[in-house]
Each structure stands twice: as C-alpha cells, then as structure tokens.
Amino acid sequence: MEETCVIELVRGLDSMLDHMRADYAKWSKLGDDPNGTRARMTEEYSASLRYYMGKKYVKVTDGSSVKAFVVACEDDKKFAYGDILKPAGWKTPARNFRRGNVLDRTFDRVRWTGAL
C-alpha cells in the first residue's frame, strides 16, 4: 500500500474524530450546565477518542467501547478502502453495509455514539 494512501486514511480518520467530537459538543449543549459538568465531560470524551490500525480494519474507540471500524485494506471483497462500518463487537465489524467513507468525508451516519 502506498504511503500517500495511508496518509489520506489518517487524515480522513482525524476528520471523522473531529466530526464525532463536534457532534458530542452539540449534544451536550442541549441543556443548562451551571457547574461545568458537561464541559468537563466534553473534554474527557474528546480526549478519549483513539484509533488503532490493524491489518484489515482501523478500530475507533472511546477507551471503553468500539465506535466504528474503517476498512484499511484495498482487497476487501465487499467494501472500499476507507469505508466506515458499524461494530458488531469489540473485535469485528458489522459487514452488512457501509456507514460512510473517511476518504470522501461522508459522515452522515456517524454520531458521537459511533457508526449508526
């Protein structure tokens, strides 16, 4: 796999995490926050988002749960490189249909809770 493909994948993953952080911030502003609890929780959530590169998939987590998987190989029989998949469990994605693509920056089915 070319280095430029990996760089684009990482940029797309960073954009997806930024989208998830913005969605969480929007959700957390739905009510009053007199003691700053929601602001602190927003900071904690934002800091907890991580992704881990694997052979076939990139796993996106918030530390305690898997939020999404992203296809990281070009020889998948069903999905394209960069496709976002919903998690079926801690180690496997749901392979029914894609929820977007990090290379296209299509995050319409991605929320702070993960891929829908």
PDB file of N, CA and C in Angstrom:
ATOM      1  N   MET A   1       0.846  -1.178   0.000  1.00  0.00           N
ATOM      2  CA  MET A   1       0.000   0.000   0.000  1.00  0.00           C
ATOM      3  C   MET A   1       0.891   1.242   0.000  1.00  0.00           C
ATOM      4  N   GLU A   2       0.543   2.182  -0.792  1.00  0.00           N
ATOM      5  CA  GLU A   2       1.342   3.388  -0.906  1.00  0.00           C
ATOM      6  C   GLU A   2       1.221   4.257   0.338  1.00  0.00           C
ATOM      7  N   GLU A   3       2.293   4.977   0.603  1.00  0.00           N
ATOM      8  CA  GLU A   3       2.330   5.867   1.769  1.00  0.00           C
ATOM      9  C   GLU A   3       1.287   6.972   1.664  1.00  0.00           C
ATOM     10  N   THR A   4       1.036   7.478   0.447  1.00  0.00           N
ATOM     11  CA  THR A   4       0.040   8.540   0.282  1.00  0.00           C
ATOM     12  C   THR A   4      -1.360   8.052   0.634  1.00  0.00           C
ATOM     13  N   CYS A   5      -1.657   6.771   0.347  1.00  0.00           N
ATOM     14  CA  CYS A   5      -2.962   6.199   0.715  1.00  0.00           C
ATOM     15  C   CYS A   5      -3.130   6.170   2.232  1.00  0.00           C
ATOM     16  N   VAL A   6      -2.082   5.785   2.928  1.00  0.00           N
ATOM     17  CA  VAL A   6      -2.129   5.727   4.390  1.00  0.00           C
ATOM     18  C   VAL A   6      -2.274   7.129   4.973  1.00  0.00           C
ATOM     19  N   ILE A   7      -1.567   8.086   4.397  1.00  0.00           N
ATOM     20  CA  ILE A   7      -1.662   9.471   4.880  1.00  0.00           C
ATOM     21  C   ILE A   7      -3.083   9.993   4.706  1.00  0.00           C
ATOM     22  N   GLU A   8      -3.695   9.719   3.554  1.00  0.00           N
ATOM     23  CA  GLU A   8      -5.083  10.139   3.322  1.00  0.00           C
ATOM     24  C   GLU A   8      -6.048   9.446   4.272  1.00  0.00           C
ATOM     25  N   LEU A   9      -5.796   8.181   4.557  1.00  0.00           N
ATOM     26  CA  LEU A   9      -6.637   7.453   5.504  1.00  0.00           C
ATOM     27  C   LEU A   9      -6.544   8.089   6.888  1.00  0.00           C
ATOM     28  N   VAL A  10      -5.353   8.423   7.324  1.00  0.00           N
ATOM     29  CA  VAL A  10      -5.161   9.049   8.633  1.00  0.00           C
ATOM     30  C   VAL A  10      -5.837  10.418   8.679  1.00  0.00           C
ATOM     31  N   ARG A  11      -5.720  11.182   7.618  1.00  0.00           N
ATOM     32  CA  ARG A  11      -6.405  12.492   7.567  1.00  0.00           C
ATOM     33  C   ARG A  11      -7.921  12.309   7.651  1.00  0.00           C
ATOM     34  N   GLY A  12      -8.436  11.317   6.948  1.00  0.00           N
ATOM     35  CA  GLY A  12      -9.871  11.030   6.995  1.00  0.00           C
ATOM     36  C   GLY A  12     -10.311  10.576   8.373  1.00  0.00           C
ATOM     37  N   LEU A  13      -9.498   9.738   9.030  1.00  0.00           N
ATOM     38  CA  LEU A  13      -9.808   9.298  10.394  1.00  0.00           C
ATOM     39  C   LEU A  13      -9.824  10.476  11.354  1.00  0.00           C
ATOM     40  N   ASP A  14      -8.843  11.369  11.208  1.00  0.00           N
ATOM     41  CA  ASP A  14      -8.814  12.563  12.058  1.00  0.00           C
ATOM     42  C   ASP A  14     -10.058  13.421  11.841  1.00  0.00           C
ATOM     43  N   SER A  15     -10.499  13.534  10.590  1.00  0.00           N
ATOM     44  CA  SER A  15     -11.724  14.294  10.293  1.00  0.00           C
ATOM     45  C   SER A  15     -12.945  13.632  10.913  1.00  0.00           C
ATOM     46  N   MET A  16     -13.001  12.299  10.872  1.00  0.00           N
ATOM     47  CA  MET A  16     -14.126  11.591  11.477  1.00  0.00           C
ATOM     48  C   MET A  16     -14.144  11.816  12.989  1.00  0.00           C
ATOM     49  N   LEU A  17     -12.996  11.757  13.636  1.00  0.00           N
ATOM     50  CA  LEU A  17     -12.936  12.002  15.075  1.00  0.00           C
ATOM     51  C   LEU A  17     -13.338  13.435  15.397  1.00  0.00           C
ATOM     52  N   ASP A  18     -12.922  14.394  14.568  1.00  0.00           N
ATOM     53  CA  ASP A  18     -13.351  15.788  14.759  1.00  0.00           C
ATOM     54  C   ASP A  18     -14.865  15.904  14.622  1.00  0.00           C
ATOM     55  N   HIS A  19     -15.442  15.191  13.658  1.00  0.00           N
ATOM     56  CA  HIS A  19     -16.899  15.181  13.472  1.00  0.00           C
ATOM     57  C   HIS A  19     -17.588  14.614  14.717  1.00  0.00           C
ATOM     58  N   MET A  20     -17.055  13.532  15.256  1.00  0.00           N
ATOM     59  CA  MET A  20     -17.643  12.909  16.445  1.00  0.00           C
ATOM     60  C   MET A  20     -17.536  13.836  17.651  1.00  0.00           C
ATOM     61  N   ARG A  21     -16.407  14.521  17.798  1.00  0.00           N
ATOM     62  CA  ARG A  21     -16.239  15.487  18.906  1.00  0.00           C
ATOM     63  C   ARG A  21     -17.233  16.637  18.786  1.00  0.00           C
ATOM     64  N   ALA A  22     -17.405  17.147  17.565  1.00  0.00           N
ATOM     65  CA  ALA A  22     -18.352  18.246  17.350  1.00  0.00           C
ATOM     66  C   ALA A  22     -19.785  17.791  17.628  1.00  0.00           C
ATOM     67  N   ASP A  23     -20.118  16.574  17.245  1.00  0.00           N
ATOM     68  CA  ASP A  23     -21.455  16.040  17.496  1.00  0.00           C
ATOM     69  C   ASP A  23     -21.700  15.891  19.001  1.00  0.00           C
ATOM     70  N   TYR A  24     -20.679  15.450  19.740  1.00  0.00           N
ATOM     71  CA  TYR A  24     -20.816  15.323  21.195  1.00  0.00           C
ATOM     72  C   TYR A  24     -21.005  16.699  21.825  1.00  0.00           C
ATOM     73  N   ALA A  25     -20.222  17.667  21.387  1.00  0.00           N
ATOM     74  CA  ALA A  25     -20.338  19.029  21.929  1.00  0.00           C
ATOM     75  C   ALA A  25     -21.725  19.601  21.661  1.00  0.00           C
ATOM     76  N   LYS A  26     -22.249  19.368  20.471  1.00  0.00           N
ATOM     77  CA  LYS A  26     -23.598  19.829  20.126  1.00  0.00           C
ATOM     78  C   LYS A  26     -24.640  19.160  21.022  1.00  0.00           C
ATOM     79  N   TRP A  27     -24.512  17.857  21.207  1.00  0.00           N
ATOM     80  CA  TRP A  27     -25.437  17.112  22.059  1.00  0.00           C
ATOM     81  C   TRP A  27     -25.363  17.591  23.506  1.00  0.00           C
ATOM     82  N   SER A  28     -24.165  17.856  23.988  1.00  0.00           N
ATOM     83  CA  SER A  28     -24.002  18.221  25.398  1.00  0.00           C
ATOM     84  C   SER A  28     -24.505  19.630  25.709  1.00  0.00           C
ATOM     85  N   LYS A  29     -24.725  20.440  24.709  1.00  0.00           N
ATOM     86  CA  LYS A  29     -25.210  21.814  24.923  1.00  0.00           C
ATOM     87  C   LYS A  29     -26.724  21.915  24.902  1.00  0.00           C
ATOM     88  N   LEU A  30     -27.413  20.773  24.987  1.00  0.00           N
ATOM     89  CA  LEU A  30     -28.871  20.781  24.908  1.00  0.00           C
ATOM     90  C   LEU A  30     -29.547  21.306  26.174  1.00  0.00           C
ATOM     91  N   GLY A  31     -28.810  21.461  27.244  1.00  0.00           N
ATOM     92  CA  GLY A  31     -29.413  21.965  28.485  1.00  0.00           C
ATOM     93  C   GLY A  31     -28.446  22.854  29.236  1.00  0.00           C
ATOM     94  N   ASP A  32     -28.871  23.321  30.400  1.00  0.00           N
ATOM     95  CA  ASP A  32     -28.013  24.167  31.226  1.00  0.00           C
ATOM     96  C   ASP A  32     -26.849  23.367  31.798  1.00  0.00           C
ATOM     97  N   ASP A  33     -25.754  24.071  32.084  1.00  0.00           N
ATOM     98  CA  ASP A  33     -24.561  23.451  32.672  1.00  0.00           C
ATOM     99  C   ASP A  33     -24.014  24.378  33.751  1.00  0.00           C
ATOM    100  N   PRO A  34     -24.781  24.530  34.843  1.00  0.00           N
ATOM    101  CA  PRO A  34     -24.389  25.514  35.858  1.00  0.00           C
ATOM    102  C   PRO A  34     -23.060  25.212  36.561  1.00  0.00           C
ATOM    103  N   ASN A  35     -22.707  23.961  36.732  1.00  0.00           N
ATOM    104  CA  ASN A  35     -21.473  23.653  37.461  1.00  0.00           C
ATOM    105  C   ASN A  35     -20.342  23.165  36.550  1.00  0.00           C
ATOM    106  N   GLY A  36     -20.519  23.223  35.234  1.00  0.00           N
ATOM    107  CA  GLY A  36     -19.453  22.875  34.296  1.00  0.00           C
ATOM    108  C   GLY A  36     -19.249  21.392  34.069  1.00  0.00           C
ATOM    109  N   THR A  37     -20.187  20.573  34.520  1.00  0.00           N
ATOM    110  CA  THR A  37     -20.048  19.126  34.358  1.00  0.00           C
ATOM    111  C   THR A  37     -20.024  18.726  32.890  1.00  0.00           C
ATOM    112  N   ARG A  38     -20.914  19.287  32.099  1.00  0.00           N
ATOM    113  CA  ARG A  38     -20.967  18.924  30.681  1.00  0.00           C
ATOM    114  C   ARG A  38     -19.717  19.360  29.936  1.00  0.00           C
ATOM    115  N   ALA A  39     -19.191  20.513  30.290  1.00  0.00           N
ATOM    116  CA  ALA A  39     -17.945  20.968  29.656  1.00  0.00           C
ATOM    117  C   ALA A  39     -16.803  20.010  29.980  1.00  0.00           C
ATOM    118  N   ARG A  40     -16.728  19.560  31.217  1.00  0.00           N
ATOM    119  CA  ARG A  40     -15.684  18.601  31.621  1.00  0.00           C
ATOM    120  C   ARG A  40     -15.874  17.274  30.898  1.00  0.00           C
ATOM    121  N   MET A  41     -17.121  16.816  30.803  1.00  0.00           N
ATOM    122  CA  MET A  41     -17.403  15.555  30.122  1.00  0.00           C
ATOM    123  C   MET A  41     -17.067  15.646  28.624  1.00  0.00           C
ATOM    124  N   THR A  42     -17.308  16.806  28.020  1.00  0.00           N
ATOM    125  CA  THR A  42     -16.960  17.008  26.620  1.00  0.00           C
ATOM    126  C   THR A  42     -15.456  16.906  26.418  1.00  0.00           C
ATOM    127  N   GLU A  43     -14.700  17.507  27.302  1.00  0.00           N
ATOM    128  CA  GLU A  43     -13.236  17.419  27.240  1.00  0.00           C
ATOM    129  C   GLU A  43     -12.764  15.973  27.407  1.00  0.00           C
ATOM    130  N   GLU A  44     -13.353  15.261  28.353  1.00  0.00           N
ATOM    131  CA  GLU A  44     -12.966  13.863  28.592  1.00  0.00           C
ATOM    132  C   GLU A  44     -13.293  12.986  27.389  1.00  0.00           C
ATOM    133  N   TYR A  45     -14.470  13.174  26.816  1.00  0.00           N
ATOM    134  CA  TYR A  45     -14.845  12.390  25.638  1.00  0.00           C
ATOM    135  C   TYR A  45     -13.886  12.678  24.486  1.00  0.00           C
ATOM    136  N   SER A  46     -13.628  13.942  24.243  1.00  0.00           N
ATOM    137  CA  SER A  46     -12.741  14.330  23.142  1.00  0.00           C
ATOM    138  C   SER A  46     -11.357  13.722  23.291  1.00  0.00           C
ATOM    139  N   ALA A  47     -10.843  13.711  24.501  1.00  0.00           N
ATOM    140  CA  ALA A  47      -9.512  13.161  24.757  1.00  0.00           C
ATOM    141  C   ALA A  47      -9.486  11.637  24.662  1.00  0.00           C
ATOM    142  N   SER A  48     -10.631  10.987  24.860  1.00  0.00           N
ATOM    143  CA  SER A  48     -10.663   9.524  24.888  1.00  0.00           C
ATOM    144  C   SER A  48     -10.708   8.881  23.503  1.00  0.00           C
ATOM    145  N   LEU A  49     -11.093   9.633  22.468  1.00  0.00           N
ATOM    146  CA  LEU A  49     -11.207   9.050  21.125  1.00  0.00           C
ATOM    147  C   LEU A  49      -9.840   8.668  20.577  1.00  0.00           C
ATOM    148  N   ARG A  50      -9.740   7.439  20.114  1.00  0.00           N
ATOM    149  CA  ARG A  50      -8.491   6.907  19.565  1.00  0.00           C
ATOM    150  C   ARG A  50      -8.820   5.965  18.411  1.00  0.00           C
ATOM    151  N   TYR A  51      -7.829   5.728  17.580  1.00  0.00           N
ATOM    152  CA  TYR A  51      -7.970   4.676  16.573  1.00  0.00           C
ATOM    153  C   TYR A  51      -6.710   3.829  16.549  1.00  0.00           C
ATOM    154  N   TYR A  52      -6.911   2.557  16.224  1.00  0.00           N
ATOM    155  CA  TYR A  52      -5.844   1.568  16.226  1.00  0.00           C
ATOM    156  C   TYR A  52      -5.819   0.871  14.878  1.00  0.00           C
ATOM    157  N   MET A  53      -4.677   0.916  14.214  1.00  0.00           N
ATOM    158  CA  MET A  53      -4.521   0.319  12.892  1.00  0.00           C
ATOM    159  C   MET A  53      -4.346  -1.193  13.013  1.00  0.00           C
ATOM    160  N   GLY A  54      -5.104  -1.916  12.222  1.00  0.00           N
ATOM    161  CA  GLY A  54      -4.958  -3.362  12.121  1.00  0.00           C
ATOM    162  C   GLY A  54      -4.641  -3.730  10.686  1.00  0.00           C
ATOM    163  N   LYS A  55      -4.589  -5.012  10.397  1.00  0.00           N
ATOM    164  CA  LYS A  55      -4.283  -5.460   9.031  1.00  0.00           C
ATOM    165  C   LYS A  55      -5.416  -5.146   8.061  1.00  0.00           C
ATOM    166  N   LYS A  56      -6.660  -5.397   8.502  1.00  0.00           N
ATOM    167  CA  LYS A  56      -7.813  -5.187   7.630  1.00  0.00           C
ATOM    168  C   LYS A  56      -8.625  -3.954   7.996  1.00  0.00           C
ATOM    169  N   TYR A  57      -8.663  -3.632   9.285  1.00  0.00           N
ATOM    170  CA  TYR A  57      -9.524  -2.558   9.760  1.00  0.00           C
ATOM    171  C   TYR A  57      -8.781  -1.630  10.721  1.00  0.00           C
ATOM    172  N   VAL A  58      -9.295  -0.418  10.811  1.00  0.00           N
ATOM    173  CA  VAL A  58      -8.894   0.513  11.853  1.00  0.00           C
ATOM    174  C   VAL A  58     -10.034   0.512  12.868  1.00  0.00           C
ATOM    175  N   LYS A  59      -9.705   0.281  14.130  1.00  0.00           N
ATOM    176  CA  LYS A  59     -10.714   0.271  15.186  1.00  0.00           C
ATOM    177  C   LYS A  59     -10.751   1.651  15.838  1.00  0.00           C
ATOM    178  N   VAL A  60     -11.943   2.250  15.923  1.00  0.00           N
ATOM    179  CA  VAL A  60     -12.129   3.554  16.553  1.00  0.00           C
ATOM    180  C   VAL A  60     -12.812   3.323  17.895  1.00  0.00           C
ATOM    181  N   THR A  61     -12.188   3.803  18.983  1.00  0.00           N
ATOM    182  CA  THR A  61     -12.742   3.598  20.323  1.00  0.00           C
ATOM    183  C   THR A  61     -12.788   4.909  21.096  1.00  0.00           C
ATOM    184  N   ASP A  62     -13.542   4.860  22.183  1.00  0.00           N
ATOM    185  CA  ASP A  62     -13.523   5.966  23.142  1.00  0.00           C
ATOM    186  C   ASP A  62     -12.908   5.496  24.458  1.00  0.00           C
ATOM    187  N   GLY A  63     -12.139   4.444  24.400  1.00  0.00           N
ATOM    188  CA  GLY A  63     -11.498   3.895  25.588  1.00  0.00           C
ATOM    189  C   GLY A  63     -12.257   2.727  26.167  1.00  0.00           C
ATOM    190  N   SER A  64     -13.569   2.839  26.249  1.00  0.00           N
ATOM    191  CA  SER A  64     -14.355   1.773  26.864  1.00  0.00           C
ATOM    192  C   SER A  64     -15.222   1.003  25.870  1.00  0.00           C
ATOM    193  N   SER A  65     -15.440   1.565  24.681  1.00  0.00           N
ATOM    194  CA  SER A  65     -16.259   0.865  23.690  1.00  0.00           C
ATOM    195  C   SER A  65     -15.785   1.185  22.282  1.00  0.00           C
ATOM    196  N   VAL A  66     -16.100   0.271  21.372  1.00  0.00           N
ATOM    197  CA  VAL A  66     -15.764   0.465  19.966  1.00  0.00           C
ATOM    198  C   VAL A  66     -16.863   1.316  19.336  1.00  0.00           C
ATOM    199  N   LYS A  67     -16.460   2.343  18.620  1.00  0.00           N
ATOM    200  CA  LYS A  67     -17.409   3.248  17.975  1.00  0.00           C
ATOM    201  C   LYS A  67     -17.597   2.937  16.499  1.00  0.00           C
ATOM    202  N   ALA A  68     -16.536   2.445  15.846  1.00  0.00           N
ATOM    203  CA  ALA A  68     -16.604   2.148  14.414  1.00  0.00           C
ATOM    204  C   ALA A  68     -15.372   1.354  13.998  1.00  0.00           C
ATOM    205  N   PHE A  69     -15.477   0.771  12.817  1.00  0.00           N
ATOM    206  CA  PHE A  69     -14.334   0.173  12.140  1.00  0.00           C
ATOM    207  C   PHE A  69     -14.228   0.852  10.784  1.00  0.00           C
ATOM    208  N   VAL A  70     -13.011   1.004  10.291  1.00  0.00           N
ATOM    209  CA  VAL A  70     -12.775   1.586   8.967  1.00  0.00           C
ATOM    210  C   VAL A  70     -11.938   0.592   8.169  1.00  0.00           C
ATOM    211  N   VAL A  71     -12.369   0.313   6.946  1.00  0.00           N
ATOM    212  CA  VAL A  71     -11.658  -0.641   6.090  1.00  0.00           C
ATOM    213  C   VAL A  71     -10.285  -0.066   5.748  1.00  0.00           C
ATOM    214  N   ALA A  72      -9.233  -0.831   6.061  1.00  0.00           N
ATOM    215  CA  ALA A  72      -7.858  -0.372   5.858  1.00  0.00           C
ATOM    216  C   ALA A  72      -7.101  -1.237   4.863  1.00  0.00           C
ATOM    217  N   CYS A  73      -7.816  -2.000   4.061  1.00  0.00           N
ATOM    218  CA  CYS A  73      -7.167  -2.823   3.037  1.00  0.00           C
ATOM    219  C   CYS A  73      -7.871  -2.568   1.705  1.00  0.00           C
ATOM    220  N   GLU A  74      -7.136  -2.762   0.647  1.00  0.00           N
ATOM    221  CA  GLU A  74      -7.694  -2.491  -0.677  1.00  0.00           C
ATOM    222  C   GLU A  74      -8.252  -3.734  -1.358  1.00  0.00           C
ATOM    223  N   ASP A  75      -8.130  -4.901  -0.710  1.00  0.00           N
ATOM    224  CA  ASP A  75      -8.587  -6.139  -1.335  1.00  0.00           C
ATOM    225  C   ASP A  75      -9.823  -6.737  -0.671  1.00  0.00           C
ATOM    226  N   ASP A  76     -10.611  -5.910   0.015  1.00  0.00           N
ATOM    227  CA  ASP A  76     -11.853  -6.386   0.612  1.00  0.00           C
ATOM    228  C   ASP A  76     -12.848  -6.685  -0.512  1.00  0.00           C
ATOM    229  N   LYS A  77     -13.533  -7.815  -0.414  1.00  0.00           N
ATOM    230  CA  LYS A  77     -14.444  -8.243  -1.479  1.00  0.00           C
ATOM    231  C   LYS A  77     -15.742  -7.429  -1.533  1.00  0.00           C
ATOM    232  N   LYS A  78     -16.121  -6.813  -0.415  1.00  0.00           N
ATOM    233  CA  LYS A  78     -17.415  -6.127  -0.358  1.00  0.00           C
ATOM    234  C   LYS A  78     -17.299  -4.612  -0.194  1.00  0.00           C
ATOM    235  N   PHE A  79     -16.259  -4.140   0.487  1.00  0.00           N
ATOM    236  CA  PHE A  79     -16.171  -2.723   0.837  1.00  0.00           C
ATOM    237  C   PHE A  79     -14.935  -2.062   0.248  1.00  0.00           C
ATOM    238  N   ALA A  80     -15.013  -0.754   0.078  1.00  0.00           N
ATOM    239  CA  ALA A  80     -13.904   0.028  -0.459  1.00  0.00           C
ATOM    240  C   ALA A  80     -12.983   0.502   0.667  1.00  0.00           C
ATOM    241  N   TYR A  81     -11.787   0.817   0.296  1.00  0.00           N
ATOM    242  CA  TYR A  81     -10.800   1.367   1.222  1.00  0.00           C
ATOM    243  C   TYR A  81     -11.367   2.649   1.849  1.00  0.00           C
ATOM    244  N   GLY A  82     -11.373   2.712   3.180  1.00  0.00           N
ATOM    245  CA  GLY A  82     -11.874   3.892   3.874  1.00  0.00           C
ATOM    246  C   GLY A  82     -13.330   3.825   4.286  1.00  0.00           C
ATOM    247  N   ASP A  83     -14.051   2.767   3.890  1.00  0.00           N
ATOM    248  CA  ASP A  83     -15.459   2.647   4.276  1.00  0.00           C
ATOM    249  C   ASP A  83     -15.598   2.506   5.792  1.00  0.00           C
ATOM    250  N   ILE A  84     -16.613   3.155   6.346  1.00  0.00           N
ATOM    251  CA  ILE A  84     -16.896   3.124   7.774  1.00  0.00           C
ATOM    252  C   ILE A  84     -17.941   2.044   8.031  1.00  0.00           C
ATOM    253  N   LEU A  85     -17.645   1.169   8.992  1.00  0.00           N
ATOM    254  CA  LEU A  85     -18.550   0.081   9.343  1.00  0.00           C
ATOM    255  C   LEU A  85     -18.931   0.165  10.816  1.00  0.00           C
ATOM    256  N   LYS A  86     -20.147  -0.215  11.116  1.00  0.00           N
ATOM    257  CA  LYS A  86     -20.635  -0.284  12.488  1.00  0.00           C
ATOM    258  C   LYS A  86     -19.983  -1.478  13.183  1.00  0.00           C
ATOM    259  N   PRO A  87     -19.669  -1.363  14.469  1.00  0.00           N
ATOM    260  CA  PRO A  87     -19.116  -2.527  15.163  1.00  0.00           C
ATOM    261  C   PRO A  87     -20.188  -3.578  15.455  1.00  0.00           C
ATOM    262  N   ALA A  88     -19.814  -4.841  15.294  1.00  0.00           N
ATOM    263  CA  ALA A  88     -20.674  -5.951  15.698  1.00  0.00           C
ATOM    264  C   ALA A  88     -20.242  -6.431  17.078  1.00  0.00           C
ATOM    265  N   GLY A  89     -19.052  -6.091  17.460  1.00  0.00           N
ATOM    266  CA  GLY A  89     -18.478  -6.463  18.751  1.00  0.00           C
ATOM    267  C   GLY A  89     -17.145  -5.768  18.914  1.00  0.00           C
ATOM    268  N   TRP A  90     -16.400  -6.142  19.937  1.00  0.00           N
ATOM    269  CA  TRP A  90     -15.122  -5.497  20.222  1.00  0.00           C
ATOM    270  C   TRP A  90     -14.098  -5.745  19.115  1.00  0.00           C
ATOM    271  N   LYS A  91     -14.164  -6.905  18.487  1.00  0.00           N
ATOM    272  CA  LYS A  91     -13.143  -7.272  17.508  1.00  0.00           C
ATOM    273  C   LYS A  91     -13.626  -7.320  16.059  1.00  0.00           C
ATOM    274  N   THR A  92     -14.931  -7.237  15.831  1.00  0.00           N
ATOM    275  CA  THR A  92     -15.429  -7.416  14.469  1.00  0.00           C
ATOM    276  C   THR A  92     -16.441  -6.346  14.066  1.00  0.00           C
ATOM    277  N   PRO A  93     -16.399  -5.955  12.780  1.00  0.00           N
ATOM    278  CA  PRO A  93     -17.391  -5.008  12.275  1.00  0.00           C
ATOM    279  C   PRO A  93     -18.635  -5.720  11.762  1.00  0.00           C
ATOM    280  N   ALA A  94     -19.725  -4.984  11.692  1.00  0.00           N
ATOM    281  CA  ALA A  94     -20.930  -5.469  11.011  1.00  0.00           C
ATOM    282  C   ALA A  94     -20.688  -5.253   9.517  1.00  0.00           C
ATOM    283  N   ARG A  95     -20.778  -6.304   8.750  1.00  0.00           N
ATOM    284  CA  ARG A  95     -20.442  -6.223   7.329  1.00  0.00           C
ATOM    285  C   ARG A  95     -21.689  -6.188   6.444  1.00  0.00           C
ATOM    286  N   ASN A  96     -22.774  -5.592   6.951  1.00  0.00           N
ATOM    287  CA  ASN A  96     -24.000  -5.527   6.154  1.00  0.00           C
ATOM    288  C   ASN A  96     -23.972  -4.372   5.145  1.00  0.00           C
ATOM    289  N   PHE A  97     -23.631  -3.152   5.575  1.00  0.00           N
ATOM    290  CA  PHE A  97     -23.498  -2.034   4.644  1.00  0.00           C
ATOM    291  C   PHE A  97     -22.616  -0.955   5.263  1.00  0.00           C
ATOM    292  N   ARG A  98     -22.052  -0.130   4.418  1.00  0.00           N
ATOM    293  CA  ARG A  98     -21.155   0.929   4.885  1.00  0.00           C
ATOM    294  C   ARG A  98     -21.947   2.089   5.472  1.00  0.00           C
ATOM    295  N   ARG A  99     -21.326   2.799   6.407  1.00  0.00           N
ATOM    296  CA  ARG A  99     -21.966   3.950   7.046  1.00  0.00           C
ATOM    297  C   ARG A  99     -21.369   5.268   6.570  1.00  0.00           C
ATOM    298  N   GLY A 100     -20.475   5.228   5.631  1.00  0.00           N
ATOM    299  CA  GLY A 100     -19.806   6.406   5.096  1.00  0.00           C
ATOM    300  C   GLY A 100     -18.413   6.015   4.648  1.00  0.00           C
ATOM    301  N   ASN A 101     -17.594   7.022   4.351  1.00  0.00           N
ATOM    302  CA  ASN A 101     -16.221   6.771   3.943  1.00  0.00           C
ATOM    303  C   ASN A 101     -15.353   7.924   4.420  1.00  0.00           C
ATOM    304  N   VAL A 102     -14.244   7.601   5.073  1.00  0.00           N
ATOM    305  CA  VAL A 102     -13.379   8.646   5.624  1.00  0.00           C
ATOM    306  C   VAL A 102     -12.645   9.407   4.532  1.00  0.00           C
ATOM    307  N   LEU A 103     -12.397   8.780   3.395  1.00  0.00           N
ATOM    308  CA  LEU A 103     -11.703   9.465   2.307  1.00  0.00           C
ATOM    309  C   LEU A 103     -12.607  10.496   1.642  1.00  0.00           C
ATOM    310  N   ASP A 104     -13.902  10.183   1.555  1.00  0.00           N
ATOM    311  CA  ASP A 104     -14.894  11.109   0.974  1.00  0.00           C
ATOM    312  C   ASP A 104     -15.398  12.123   1.995  1.00  0.00           C
ATOM    313  N   ARG A 105     -15.072  11.881   3.271  1.00  0.00           N
ATOM    314  CA  ARG A 105     -15.574  12.702   4.388  1.00  0.00           C
ATOM    315  C   ARG A 105     -17.101  12.655   4.445  1.00  0.00           C
ATOM    316  N   THR A 106     -17.670  11.471   4.183  1.00  0.00           N
ATOM    317  CA  THR A 106     -19.121  11.287   4.298  1.00  0.00           C
ATOM    318  C   THR A 106     -19.412  10.680   5.670  1.00  0.00           C
ATOM    319  N   PHE A 107     -19.847  11.547   6.572  1.00  0.00           N
ATOM    320  CA  PHE A 107     -20.082  11.147   7.956  1.00  0.00           C
ATOM    321  C   PHE A 107     -21.541  11.282   8.355  1.00  0.00           C
ATOM    322  N   ASP A 108     -22.453  11.227   7.396  1.00  0.00           N
ATOM    323  CA  ASP A 108     -23.869  11.431   7.690  1.00  0.00           C
ATOM    324  C   ASP A 108     -24.456  10.348   8.588  1.00  0.00           C
ATOM    325  N   ARG A 109     -23.843   9.162   8.668  1.00  0.00           N
ATOM    326  CA  ARG A 109     -24.324   8.097   9.547  1.00  0.00           C
ATOM    327  C   ARG A 109     -23.352   7.855  10.713  1.00  0.00           C
ATOM    328  N   VAL A 110     -22.589   8.893  11.062  1.00  0.00           N
ATOM    329  CA  VAL A 110     -21.643   8.789  12.182  1.00  0.00           C
ATOM    330  C   VAL A 110     -22.021   9.858  13.212  1.00  0.00           C
ATOM    331  N   ARG A 111     -22.204   9.431  14.433  1.00  0.00           N
ATOM    332  CA  ARG A 111     -22.511  10.331  15.549  1.00  0.00           C
ATOM    333  C   ARG A 111     -21.446  10.149  16.622  1.00  0.00           C
ATOM    334  N   TRP A 112     -21.580  10.871  17.701  1.00  0.00           N
ATOM    335  CA  TRP A 112     -20.614  10.723  18.781  1.00  0.00           C
ATOM    336  C   TRP A 112     -20.695   9.336  19.407  1.00  0.00           C
ATOM    337  N   THR A 113     -21.842   8.699  19.240  1.00  0.00           N
ATOM    338  CA  THR A 113     -22.020   7.345  19.774  1.00  0.00           C
ATOM    339  C   THR A 113     -21.400   6.293  18.857  1.00  0.00           C
ATOM    340  N   GLY A 114     -20.988   6.688  17.669  1.00  0.00           N
ATOM    341  CA  GLY A 114     -20.347   5.765  16.738  1.00  0.00           C
ATOM    342  C   GLY A 114     -21.079   5.706  15.416  1.00  0.00           C
ATOM    343  N   ALA A 115     -20.741   4.691  14.623  1.00  0.00           N
ATOM    344  CA  ALA A 115     -21.391   4.497  13.320  1.00  0.00           C
ATOM    345  C   ALA A 115     -22.774   3.909  13.550  1.00  0.00           C
ATOM    346  N   LEU A 116     -23.761   4.483  12.876  1.00  0.00           N
ATOM    347  CA  LEU A 116     -25.149   4.037  13.043  1.00  0.00           C
ATOM    348  C   LEU A 116     -25.543   3.048  11.973  1.00  0.00           C
TER     349      LEU A 116
END
